[in-house]
Amino acid sequence: FNESTMPQGELDIYRQIQKQKLSVSLKKSEFVAGRVIDELLYGFEHPY
């Protein structure tokens, strides 16, 4: 809580993994539906 450094290398690895996961997930209709229904309810600019 007071010494974390958010290392650039760890960020780069995490970024790569998440983009790969997103690429796979976007092919799944249920994943897309879960995202879009919240956008319809609250608006894309809202945190929900």
All heavy atoms as atom14 arrays in JSON, in Angstrom:
{
  "sequence": "FNESTMPQGELDIYRQIQKQKLSVSLKKSEFVAGRVIDELLYGFEHPY",
  "atom14_mask": [
    [1, 1, 1, 1, 1, 1, 1, 1, 1, 1, 1, 0, 0, 0],
    [1, 1, 1, 1, 1, 1, 1, 1, 0, 0, 0, 0, 0, 0],
    [1, 1, 1, 1, 1, 1, 1, 1, 1, 0, 0, 0, 0, 0],
    [1, 1, 1, 1, 1, 1, 0, 0, 0, 0, 0, 0, 0, 0],
    [1, 1, 1, 1, 1, 1, 1, 0, 0, 0, 0, 0, 0, 0],
    [1, 1, 1, 1, 1, 1, 1, 1, 0, 0, 0, 0, 0, 0],
    [1, 1, 1, 1, 1, 1, 1, 0, 0, 0, 0, 0, 0, 0],
    [1, 1, 1, 1, 1, 1, 1, 1, 1, 0, 0, 0, 0, 0],
    [1, 1, 1, 1, 0, 0, 0, 0, 0, 0, 0, 0, 0, 0],
    [1, 1, 1, 1, 1, 1, 1, 1, 1, 0, 0, 0, 0, 0],
    [1, 1, 1, 1, 1, 1, 1, 1, 0, 0, 0, 0, 0, 0],
    [1, 1, 1, 1, 1, 1, 1, 1, 0, 0, 0, 0, 0, 0],
    [1, 1, 1, 1, 1, 1, 1, 1, 0, 0, 0, 0, 0, 0],
    [1, 1, 1, 1, 1, 1, 1, 1, 1, 1, 1, 1, 0, 0],
    [1, 1, 1, 1, 1, 1, 1, 1, 1, 1, 1, 0, 0, 0],
    [1, 1, 1, 1, 1, 1, 1, 1, 1, 0, 0, 0, 0, 0],
    [1, 1, 1, 1, 1, 1, 1, 1, 0, 0, 0, 0, 0, 0],
    [1, 1, 1, 1, 1, 1, 1, 1, 1, 0, 0, 0, 0, 0],
    [1, 1, 1, 1, 1, 1, 1, 1, 1, 0, 0, 0, 0, 0],
    [1, 1, 1, 1, 1, 1, 1, 1, 1, 0, 0, 0, 0, 0],
    [1, 1, 1, 1, 1, 1, 1, 1, 1, 0, 0, 0, 0, 0],
    [1, 1, 1, 1, 1, 1, 1, 1, 0, 0, 0, 0, 0, 0],
    [1, 1, 1, 1, 1, 1, 0, 0, 0, 0, 0, 0, 0, 0],
    [1, 1, 1, 1, 1, 1, 1, 0, 0, 0, 0, 0, 0, 0],
    [1, 1, 1, 1, 1, 1, 0, 0, 0, 0, 0, 0, 0, 0],
    [1, 1, 1, 1, 1, 1, 1, 1, 0, 0, 0, 0, 0, 0],
    [1, 1, 1, 1, 1, 1, 1, 1, 1, 0, 0, 0, 0, 0],
    [1, 1, 1, 1, 1, 1, 1, 1, 1, 0, 0, 0, 0, 0],
    [1, 1, 1, 1, 1, 1, 0, 0, 0, 0, 0, 0, 0, 0],
    [1, 1, 1, 1, 1, 1, 1, 1, 1, 0, 0, 0, 0, 0],
    [1, 1, 1, 1, 1, 1, 1, 1, 1, 1, 1, 0, 0, 0],
    [1, 1, 1, 1, 1, 1, 1, 0, 0, 0, 0, 0, 0, 0],
    [1, 1, 1, 1, 1, 0, 0, 0, 0, 0, 0, 0, 0, 0],
    [1, 1, 1, 1, 0, 0, 0, 0, 0, 0, 0, 0, 0, 0],
    [1, 1, 1, 1, 1, 1, 1, 1, 1, 1, 1, 0, 0, 0],
    [1, 1, 1, 1, 1, 1, 1, 0, 0, 0, 0, 0, 0, 0],
    [1, 1, 1, 1, 1, 1, 1, 1, 0, 0, 0, 0, 0, 0],
    [1, 1, 1, 1, 1, 1, 1, 1, 0, 0, 0, 0, 0, 0],
    [1, 1, 1, 1, 1, 1, 1, 1, 1, 0, 0, 0, 0, 0],
    [1, 1, 1, 1, 1, 1, 1, 1, 0, 0, 0, 0, 0, 0],
    [1, 1, 1, 1, 1, 1, 1, 1, 0, 0, 0, 0, 0, 0],
    [1, 1, 1, 1, 1, 1, 1, 1, 1, 1, 1, 1, 0, 0],
    [1, 1, 1, 1, 0, 0, 0, 0, 0, 0, 0, 0, 0, 0],
    [1, 1, 1, 1, 1, 1, 1, 1, 1, 1, 1, 0, 0, 0],
    [1, 1, 1, 1, 1, 1, 1, 1, 1, 0, 0, 0, 0, 0],
    [1, 1, 1, 1, 1, 1, 1, 1, 1, 1, 0, 0, 0, 0],
    [1, 1, 1, 1, 1, 1, 1, 0, 0, 0, 0, 0, 0, 0],
    [1, 1, 1, 1, 1, 1, 1, 1, 1, 1, 1, 1, 0, 0]
  ],
  "atom14_positions": [
    [[0.8, -1.22, 0.0], [0.0, 0.0, 0.0], [0.83, 1.28, 0.0], [0.29, 2.36, -0.23], [-0.96, 0.0, 1.19], [-1.88, -1.19, 1.24], [-2.25, -1.76, 2.45], [-2.35, -1.77, 0.08], [-3.09, -2.86, 2.5], [-3.19, -2.89, 0.11], [-3.56, -3.43, 1.33], [0.0, 0.0, 0.0], [0.0, 0.0, 0.0], [0.0, 0.0, 0.0]],
    [[2.12, 1.16, 0.29], [2.94, 2.38, 0.27], [4.28, 2.22, -0.44], [5.04, 3.19, -0.52], [3.16, 2.92, 1.69], [3.86, 1.92, 2.6], [4.38, 0.9, 2.15], [3.88, 2.21, 3.9], [0.0, 0.0, 0.0], [0.0, 0.0, 0.0], [0.0, 0.0, 0.0], [0.0, 0.0, 0.0], [0.0, 0.0, 0.0], [0.0, 0.0, 0.0]],
    [[4.57, 1.02, -0.96], [5.86, 0.8, -1.62], [5.74, 0.16, -3.0], [6.76, -0.15, -3.62], [6.77, -0.07, -0.74], [7.14, 0.56, 0.6], [7.99, -0.36, 1.45], [8.37, -1.45, 0.95], [8.28, -0.01, 2.62], [0.0, 0.0, 0.0], [0.0, 0.0, 0.0], [0.0, 0.0, 0.0], [0.0, 0.0, 0.0], [0.0, 0.0, 0.0]],
    [[4.53, -0.08, -3.49], [4.38, -0.68, -4.81], [4.93, 0.25, -5.88], [4.77, 1.48, -5.8], [2.92, -1.0, -5.1], [2.48, -2.11, -4.36], [0.0, 0.0, 0.0], [0.0, 0.0, 0.0], [0.0, 0.0, 0.0], [0.0, 0.0, 0.0], [0.0, 0.0, 0.0], [0.0, 0.0, 0.0], [0.0, 0.0, 0.0], [0.0, 0.0, 0.0]],
    [[5.57, -0.32, -6.89], [6.23, 0.48, -7.92], [5.6, 0.36, -9.3], [6.0, 1.05, -10.23], [7.71, 0.09, -8.02], [7.81, -1.33, -8.27], [8.46, 0.42, -6.73], [0.0, 0.0, 0.0], [0.0, 0.0, 0.0], [0.0, 0.0, 0.0], [0.0, 0.0, 0.0], [0.0, 0.0, 0.0], [0.0, 0.0, 0.0], [0.0, 0.0, 0.0]],
    [[4.62, -0.5, -9.45], [3.98, -0.69, -10.77], [5.04, -0.85, -11.87], [5.11, -0.06, -12.8], [3.07, 0.5, -11.1], [2.08, 0.86, -10.02], [0.67, -0.26, -9.95], [0.39, -0.35, -8.17], [0.0, 0.0, 0.0], [0.0, 0.0, 0.0], [0.0, 0.0, 0.0], [0.0, 0.0, 0.0], [0.0, 0.0, 0.0], [0.0, 0.0, 0.0]],
    [[5.89, -1.86, -11.78], [7.02, -1.96, -12.72], [6.58, -1.97, -14.18], [5.57, -2.59, -14.53], [7.66, -3.3, -12.34], [7.22, -3.57, -10.93], [5.85, -2.98, -10.83], [0.0, 0.0, 0.0], [0.0, 0.0, 0.0], [0.0, 0.0, 0.0], [0.0, 0.0, 0.0], [0.0, 0.0, 0.0], [0.0, 0.0, 0.0], [0.0, 0.0, 0.0]],
    [[7.33, -1.26, -15.01], [7.0, -1.16, -16.41], [6.95, -2.54, -17.07], [6.07, -2.82, -17.9], [8.02, -0.27, -17.14], [7.7, -0.05, -18.61], [6.44, 0.76, -18.84], [6.25, 1.82, -18.26], [5.55, 0.27, -19.7], [0.0, 0.0, 0.0], [0.0, 0.0, 0.0], [0.0, 0.0, 0.0], [0.0, 0.0, 0.0], [0.0, 0.0, 0.0]],
    [[7.9, -3.4, -16.72], [7.92, -4.74, -17.3], [6.67, -5.54, -16.98], [6.14, -6.26, -17.84], [0.0, 0.0, 0.0], [0.0, 0.0, 0.0], [0.0, 0.0, 0.0], [0.0, 0.0, 0.0], [0.0, 0.0, 0.0], [0.0, 0.0, 0.0], [0.0, 0.0, 0.0], [0.0, 0.0, 0.0], [0.0, 0.0, 0.0], [0.0, 0.0, 0.0]],
    [[6.21, -5.44, -15.72], [4.99, -6.13, -15.33], [3.78, -5.56, -16.05], [2.87, -6.29, -16.45], [4.79, -6.03, -13.81], [5.86, -6.73, -12.99], [5.79, -8.25, -13.09], [4.68, -8.77, -13.37], [6.83, -8.91, -12.89], [0.0, 0.0, 0.0], [0.0, 0.0, 0.0], [0.0, 0.0, 0.0], [0.0, 0.0, 0.0], [0.0, 0.0, 0.0]],
    [[3.76, -4.25, -16.23], [2.67, -3.62, -16.97], [2.64, -4.11, -18.42], [1.58, -4.41, -18.96], [2.81, -2.1, -16.92], [1.87, -1.29, -17.83], [0.4, -1.59, -17.52], [2.16, 0.21, -17.7], [0.0, 0.0, 0.0], [0.0, 0.0, 0.0], [0.0, 0.0, 0.0], [0.0, 0.0, 0.0], [0.0, 0.0, 0.0], [0.0, 0.0, 0.0]],
    [[3.8, -4.2, -19.04], [3.87, -4.64, -20.43], [3.36, -6.07, -20.59], [2.65, -6.39, -21.55], [5.31, -4.54, -20.94], [5.8, -3.09, -21.05], [4.94, -2.18, -21.11], [7.03, -2.88, -21.05], [0.0, 0.0, 0.0], [0.0, 0.0, 0.0], [0.0, 0.0, 0.0], [0.0, 0.0, 0.0], [0.0, 0.0, 0.0], [0.0, 0.0, 0.0]],
    [[3.74, -6.94, -19.65], [3.28, -8.33, -19.7], [1.77, -8.4, -19.53], [1.07, -9.1, -20.28], [3.99, -9.17, -18.62], [5.49, -9.28, -18.92], [3.36, -10.56, -18.5], [6.29, -9.91, -17.8], [0.0, 0.0, 0.0], [0.0, 0.0, 0.0], [0.0, 0.0, 0.0], [0.0, 0.0, 0.0], [0.0, 0.0, 0.0], [0.0, 0.0, 0.0]],
    [[1.26, -7.69, -18.53], [-0.17, -7.69, -18.26], [-0.94, -7.13, -19.46], [-1.98, -7.68, -19.84], [-0.47, -6.87, -17.01], [-1.93, -6.85, -16.63], [-2.51, -7.92, -15.96], [-2.74, -5.78, -16.96], [-3.85, -7.9, -15.6], [-4.08, -5.75, -16.62], [-4.62, -6.82, -15.95], [-5.97, -6.79, -15.61], [0.0, 0.0, 0.0], [0.0, 0.0, 0.0]],
    [[-0.46, -6.06, -20.04], [-1.11, -5.45, -21.2], [-1.23, -6.47, -22.35], [-2.28, -6.6, -22.97], [-0.3, -4.23, -21.64], [-1.0, -3.38, -22.7], [-0.16, -2.35, -23.35], [1.03, -1.92, -22.66], [1.19, -0.7, -22.12], [0.21, 0.17, -22.16], [2.32, -0.38, -21.54], [0.0, 0.0, 0.0], [0.0, 0.0, 0.0], [0.0, 0.0, 0.0]],
    [[-0.14, -7.18, -22.61], [-0.13, -8.15, -23.69], [-1.13, -9.29, -23.43], [-1.88, -9.68, -24.32], [1.28, -8.72, -23.88], [1.38, -9.74, -25.01], [2.78, -10.3, -25.14], [3.69, -9.9, -24.43], [2.98, -11.22, -26.05], [0.0, 0.0, 0.0], [0.0, 0.0, 0.0], [0.0, 0.0, 0.0], [0.0, 0.0, 0.0], [0.0, 0.0, 0.0]],
    [[-1.14, -9.79, -22.21], [-2.04, -10.89, -21.85], [-3.5, -10.46, -21.99], [-4.33, -11.18, -22.54], [-1.74, -11.39, -20.43], [-0.37, -12.06, -20.38], [-2.84, -12.35, -19.96], [0.08, -12.42, -18.98], [0.0, 0.0, 0.0], [0.0, 0.0, 0.0], [0.0, 0.0, 0.0], [0.0, 0.0, 0.0], [0.0, 0.0, 0.0], [0.0, 0.0, 0.0]],
    [[-3.82, -9.27, -21.48], [-5.2, -8.81, -21.51], [-5.68, -8.55, -22.93], [-6.84, -8.81, -23.26], [-5.35, -7.54, -20.65], [-5.19, -7.78, -19.15], [-6.17, -8.81, -18.64], [-5.78, -9.92, -18.26], [-7.44, -8.48, -18.64], [0.0, 0.0, 0.0], [0.0, 0.0, 0.0], [0.0, 0.0, 0.0], [0.0, 0.0, 0.0], [0.0, 0.0, 0.0]],
    [[-4.82, -8.05, -23.78], [-5.21, -7.82, -25.17], [-5.47, -9.15, -25.88], [-6.39, -9.27, -26.69], [-4.14, -7.01, -25.9], [-4.09, -5.55, -25.47], [-2.88, -4.83, -26.03], [-2.95, -4.68, -27.53], [-1.81, -3.89, -28.07], [0.0, 0.0, 0.0], [0.0, 0.0, 0.0], [0.0, 0.0, 0.0], [0.0, 0.0, 0.0], [0.0, 0.0, 0.0]],
    [[-4.67, -10.16, -25.56], [-4.9, -11.48, -26.14], [-6.22, -12.06, -25.65], [-6.99, -12.64, -26.43], [-3.74, -12.4, -25.79], [-2.43, -12.06, -26.5], [-1.27, -12.9, -26.02], [-1.32, -13.51, -24.95], [-0.19, -12.93, -26.8], [0.0, 0.0, 0.0], [0.0, 0.0, 0.0], [0.0, 0.0, 0.0], [0.0, 0.0, 0.0], [0.0, 0.0, 0.0]],
    [[-6.49, -11.92, -24.35], [-7.74, -12.42, -23.8], [-8.93, -11.69, -24.41], [-9.96, -12.3, -24.72], [-7.74, -12.26, -22.27], [-6.8, -13.19, -21.55], [-6.74, -12.9, -20.06], [-8.03, -13.11, -19.37], [-7.91, -12.91, -17.89], [0.0, 0.0, 0.0], [0.0, 0.0, 0.0], [0.0, 0.0, 0.0], [0.0, 0.0, 0.0], [0.0, 0.0, 0.0]],
    [[-8.8, -10.37, -24.58], [-9.87, -9.58, -25.16], [-10.14, -10.01, -26.6], [-11.3, -10.1, -27.03], [-9.53, -8.09, -25.1], [-10.58, -7.12, -25.64], [-11.9, -7.26, -24.87], [-10.06, -5.67, -25.54], [0.0, 0.0, 0.0], [0.0, 0.0, 0.0], [0.0, 0.0, 0.0], [0.0, 0.0, 0.0], [0.0, 0.0, 0.0], [0.0, 0.0, 0.0]],
    [[-9.09, -10.28, -27.34], [-9.23, -10.71, -28.73], [-10.04, -12.0, -28.82], [-10.89, -12.15, -29.71], [-7.85, -10.9, -29.36], [-7.95, -11.33, -30.69], [0.0, 0.0, 0.0], [0.0, 0.0, 0.0], [0.0, 0.0, 0.0], [0.0, 0.0, 0.0], [0.0, 0.0, 0.0], [0.0, 0.0, 0.0], [0.0, 0.0, 0.0], [0.0, 0.0, 0.0]],
    [[-9.8, -12.93, -27.91], [-10.53, -14.19, -27.89], [-11.97, -13.97, -27.42], [-12.93, -14.49, -28.0], [-9.82, -15.22, -26.99], [-10.68, -16.47, -26.83], [-8.45, -15.57, -27.56], [0.0, 0.0, 0.0], [0.0, 0.0, 0.0], [0.0, 0.0, 0.0], [0.0, 0.0, 0.0], [0.0, 0.0, 0.0], [0.0, 0.0, 0.0], [0.0, 0.0, 0.0]],
    [[-12.14, -13.17, -26.35], [-13.46, -12.97, -25.75], [-14.43, -12.27, -26.69], [-15.63, -12.55, -26.68], [-13.33, -12.17, -24.46], [-12.58, -12.87, -23.49], [0.0, 0.0, 0.0], [0.0, 0.0, 0.0], [0.0, 0.0, 0.0], [0.0, 0.0, 0.0], [0.0, 0.0, 0.0], [0.0, 0.0, 0.0], [0.0, 0.0, 0.0], [0.0, 0.0, 0.0]],
    [[-13.93, -11.35, -27.52], [-14.8, -10.6, -28.41], [-15.44, -11.46, -29.48], [-16.39, -11.04, -30.14], [-14.02, -9.45, -29.07], [-13.71, -8.25, -28.16], [-12.8, -7.26, -28.85], [-15.0, -7.57, -27.71], [0.0, 0.0, 0.0], [0.0, 0.0, 0.0], [0.0, 0.0, 0.0], [0.0, 0.0, 0.0], [0.0, 0.0, 0.0], [0.0, 0.0, 0.0]],
    [[-14.96, -12.67, -29.64], [-15.57, -13.6, -30.58], [-16.75, -14.34, -29.96], [-17.47, -15.05, -30.67], [-14.52, -14.6, -31.07], [-13.36, -13.96, -31.82], [-12.3, -14.98, -32.18], [-11.1, -14.3, -32.87], [-10.03, -15.3, -33.19], [0.0, 0.0, 0.0], [0.0, 0.0, 0.0], [0.0, 0.0, 0.0], [0.0, 0.0, 0.0], [0.0, 0.0, 0.0]],
    [[-16.94, -14.18, -28.66], [-18.0, -14.88, -27.94], [-19.2, -13.96, -27.77], [-19.09, -12.87, -27.2], [-17.49, -15.37, -26.58], [-16.29, -16.29, -26.67], [-15.77, -16.64, -25.29], [-14.54, -17.53, -25.37], [-13.98, -17.83, -24.02], [0.0, 0.0, 0.0], [0.0, 0.0, 0.0], [0.0, 0.0, 0.0], [0.0, 0.0, 0.0], [0.0, 0.0, 0.0]],
    [[-20.35, -14.39, -28.23], [-21.55, -13.56, -28.19], [-21.95, -13.18, -26.76], [-22.37, -12.06, -26.51], [-22.71, -14.29, -28.88], [-22.43, -14.47, -30.25], [0.0, 0.0, 0.0], [0.0, 0.0, 0.0], [0.0, 0.0, 0.0], [0.0, 0.0, 0.0], [0.0, 0.0, 0.0], [0.0, 0.0, 0.0], [0.0, 0.0, 0.0], [0.0, 0.0, 0.0]],
    [[-21.8, -14.14, -25.82], [-22.21, -13.85, -24.45], [-21.33, -12.77, -23.81], [-21.8, -11.97, -23.0], [-22.2, -15.12, -23.6], [-20.84, -15.78, -23.4], [-20.52, -16.79, -24.47], [-21.13, -16.74, -25.58], [-19.66, -17.66, -24.21], [0.0, 0.0, 0.0], [0.0, 0.0, 0.0], [0.0, 0.0, 0.0], [0.0, 0.0, 0.0], [0.0, 0.0, 0.0]],
    [[-20.04, -12.72, -24.19], [-19.15, -11.69, -23.68], [-19.55, -10.32, -24.21], [-19.63, -9.35, -23.46], [-17.7, -12.01, -24.06], [-16.7, -10.97, -23.64], [-16.21, -10.94, -22.35], [-16.25, -10.02, -24.56], [-15.29, -9.97, -21.96], [-15.32, -9.06, -24.17], [-14.85, -9.04, -22.88], [0.0, 0.0, 0.0], [0.0, 0.0, 0.0], [0.0, 0.0, 0.0]],
    [[-19.8, -10.25, -25.5], [-20.21, -8.99, -26.11], [-21.53, -8.51, -25.52], [-21.71, -7.33, -25.21], [-20.33, -9.15, -27.64], [-20.88, -7.87, -28.27], [-18.97, -9.49, -28.24], [0.0, 0.0, 0.0], [0.0, 0.0, 0.0], [0.0, 0.0, 0.0], [0.0, 0.0, 0.0], [0.0, 0.0, 0.0], [0.0, 0.0, 0.0], [0.0, 0.0, 0.0]],
    [[-22.47, -9.44, -25.31], [-23.77, -9.07, -24.75], [-23.64, -8.5, -23.35], [-24.32, -7.52, -22.99], [-24.69, -10.28, -24.75], [0.0, 0.0, 0.0], [0.0, 0.0, 0.0], [0.0, 0.0, 0.0], [0.0, 0.0, 0.0], [0.0, 0.0, 0.0], [0.0, 0.0, 0.0], [0.0, 0.0, 0.0], [0.0, 0.0, 0.0], [0.0, 0.0, 0.0]],
    [[-22.77, -9.08, -22.53], [-22.57, -8.59, -21.17], [-22.03, -7.18, -21.13], [-22.38, -6.4, -20.24], [0.0, 0.0, 0.0], [0.0, 0.0, 0.0], [0.0, 0.0, 0.0], [0.0, 0.0, 0.0], [0.0, 0.0, 0.0], [0.0, 0.0, 0.0], [0.0, 0.0, 0.0], [0.0, 0.0, 0.0], [0.0, 0.0, 0.0], [0.0, 0.0, 0.0]],
    [[-21.21, -6.83, -22.1], [-20.67, -5.47, -22.18], [-21.72, -4.49, -22.67], [-21.93, -3.41, -22.09], [-19.45, -5.45, -23.11], [-18.23, -6.12, -22.56], [-17.29, -6.63, -23.63], [-16.73, -5.65, -24.52], [-15.51, -5.1, -24.42], [-14.75, -5.42, -23.37], [-15.05, -4.25, -25.31], [0.0, 0.0, 0.0], [0.0, 0.0, 0.0], [0.0, 0.0, 0.0]],
    [[-22.4, -4.85, -23.72], [-23.29, -3.91, -24.39], [-24.55, -3.63, -23.59], [-25.06, -2.5, -23.59], [-23.63, -4.41, -25.81], [-24.65, -3.49, -26.48], [-22.37, -4.49, -26.66], [0.0, 0.0, 0.0], [0.0, 0.0, 0.0], [0.0, 0.0, 0.0], [0.0, 0.0, 0.0], [0.0, 0.0, 0.0], [0.0, 0.0, 0.0], [0.0, 0.0, 0.0]],
    [[-25.08, -4.62, -22.87], [-26.31, -4.37, -22.11], [-26.07, -3.31, -21.04], [-26.94, -2.47, -20.79], [-26.87, -5.68, -21.49], [-28.28, -5.44, -20.95], [-25.95, -6.21, -20.4], [-29.29, -5.06, -21.99], [0.0, 0.0, 0.0], [0.0, 0.0, 0.0], [0.0, 0.0, 0.0], [0.0, 0.0, 0.0], [0.0, 0.0, 0.0], [0.0, 0.0, 0.0]],
    [[-24.9, -3.31, -20.41], [-24.6, -2.28, -19.42], [-24.45, -0.91, -20.08], [-24.84, 0.11, -19.51], [-23.31, -2.63, -18.67], [-23.51, -3.75, -17.67], [-24.67, -3.98, -17.26], [-22.52, -4.4, -17.28], [0.0, 0.0, 0.0], [0.0, 0.0, 0.0], [0.0, 0.0, 0.0], [0.0, 0.0, 0.0], [0.0, 0.0, 0.0], [0.0, 0.0, 0.0]],
    [[-23.91, -0.88, -21.28], [-23.82, 0.38, -22.01], [-25.22, 0.93, -22.32], [-25.47, 2.13, -22.21], [-23.03, 0.2, -23.3], [-22.89, 1.48, -24.12], [-22.23, 1.25, -25.47], [-21.89, 0.1, -25.79], [-22.06, 2.24, -26.22], [0.0, 0.0, 0.0], [0.0, 0.0, 0.0], [0.0, 0.0, 0.0], [0.0, 0.0, 0.0], [0.0, 0.0, 0.0]],
    [[-26.14, 0.06, -22.71], [-27.51, 0.49, -23.0], [-28.18, 1.04, -21.75], [-28.93, 2.02, -21.82], [-28.32, -0.68, -23.55], [-27.88, -1.27, -24.9], [-28.77, -2.45, -25.27], [-27.89, -0.21, -25.99], [0.0, 0.0, 0.0], [0.0, 0.0, 0.0], [0.0, 0.0, 0.0], [0.0, 0.0, 0.0], [0.0, 0.0, 0.0], [0.0, 0.0, 0.0]],
    [[-27.94, 0.41, -20.61], [-28.6, 0.81, -19.36], [-28.06, 2.11, -18.79], [-28.81, 2.93, -18.27], [-28.43, -0.3, -18.32], [-29.24, -1.58, -18.54], [-28.71, -2.69, -17.65], [-30.71, -1.33, -18.26], [0.0, 0.0, 0.0], [0.0, 0.0, 0.0], [0.0, 0.0, 0.0], [0.0, 0.0, 0.0], [0.0, 0.0, 0.0], [0.0, 0.0, 0.0]],
    [[-26.73, 2.3, -18.86], [-26.1, 3.4, -18.14], [-25.42, 4.43, -19.04], [-25.15, 5.55, -18.6], [-25.06, 2.85, -17.15], [-25.62, 1.83, -16.2], [-25.3, 0.48, -16.31], [-26.47, 2.21, -15.17], [-25.81, -0.45, -15.43], [-26.99, 1.28, -14.29], [-26.66, -0.06, -14.43], [-27.16, -0.99, -13.55], [0.0, 0.0, 0.0], [0.0, 0.0, 0.0]],
    [[-25.08, 4.05, -20.27], [-24.31, 4.93, -21.13], [-22.83, 4.59, -21.04], [-22.33, 4.24, -19.97], [0.0, 0.0, 0.0], [0.0, 0.0, 0.0], [0.0, 0.0, 0.0], [0.0, 0.0, 0.0], [0.0, 0.0, 0.0], [0.0, 0.0, 0.0], [0.0, 0.0, 0.0], [0.0, 0.0, 0.0], [0.0, 0.0, 0.0], [0.0, 0.0, 0.0]],
    [[-22.12, 4.72, -22.16], [-20.73, 4.3, -22.2], [-19.83, 5.17, -21.34], [-18.79, 4.73, -20.88], [-20.22, 4.31, -23.65], [-18.84, 3.74, -23.81], [-18.64, 2.37, -23.7], [-17.75, 4.56, -24.03], [-17.36, 1.84, -23.82], [-16.48, 4.04, -24.17], [-16.28, 2.67, -24.07], [0.0, 0.0, 0.0], [0.0, 0.0, 0.0], [0.0, 0.0, 0.0]],
    [[-20.22, 6.4, -21.07], [-19.39, 7.3, -20.26], [-19.58, 7.05, -18.76], [-18.82, 7.6, -17.96], [-19.7, 8.76, -20.6], [-19.35, 9.14, -22.04], [-19.68, 10.58, -22.36], [-20.25, 11.26, -21.47], [-19.36, 11.03, -23.48], [0.0, 0.0, 0.0], [0.0, 0.0, 0.0], [0.0, 0.0, 0.0], [0.0, 0.0, 0.0], [0.0, 0.0, 0.0]],
    [[-20.54, 6.25, -18.38], [-20.77, 5.95, -16.98], [-19.9, 4.77, -16.55], [-19.69, 3.84, -17.33], [-22.25, 5.62, -16.76], [-22.67, 5.61, -15.33], [-22.49, 4.52, -14.51], [-23.25, 6.57, -14.56], [-22.95, 4.79, -13.31], [-23.43, 6.02, -13.3], [0.0, 0.0, 0.0], [0.0, 0.0, 0.0], [0.0, 0.0, 0.0], [0.0, 0.0, 0.0]],
    [[-19.38, 4.77, -15.31], [-18.54, 3.66, -14.86], [-19.2, 2.29, -14.95], [-18.51, 1.28, -15.15], [-18.24, 4.01, -13.39], [-18.37, 5.49, -13.33], [-19.46, 5.85, -14.3], [0.0, 0.0, 0.0], [0.0, 0.0, 0.0], [0.0, 0.0, 0.0], [0.0, 0.0, 0.0], [0.0, 0.0, 0.0], [0.0, 0.0, 0.0], [0.0, 0.0, 0.0]],
    [[-20.51, 2.23, -14.83], [-21.2, 0.95, -14.93], [-21.33, 0.48, -16.38], [-21.57, -0.7, -16.63], [-22.6, 1.03, -14.32], [-22.65, 1.28, -12.83], [-23.85, 1.61, -12.21], [-21.51, 1.21, -12.05], [-23.92, 1.84, -10.85], [-21.56, 1.46, -10.68], [-22.78, 1.78, -10.09], [-22.84, 2.02, -8.74], [0.0, 0.0, 0.0], [0.0, 0.0, 0.0]]
  ]
}
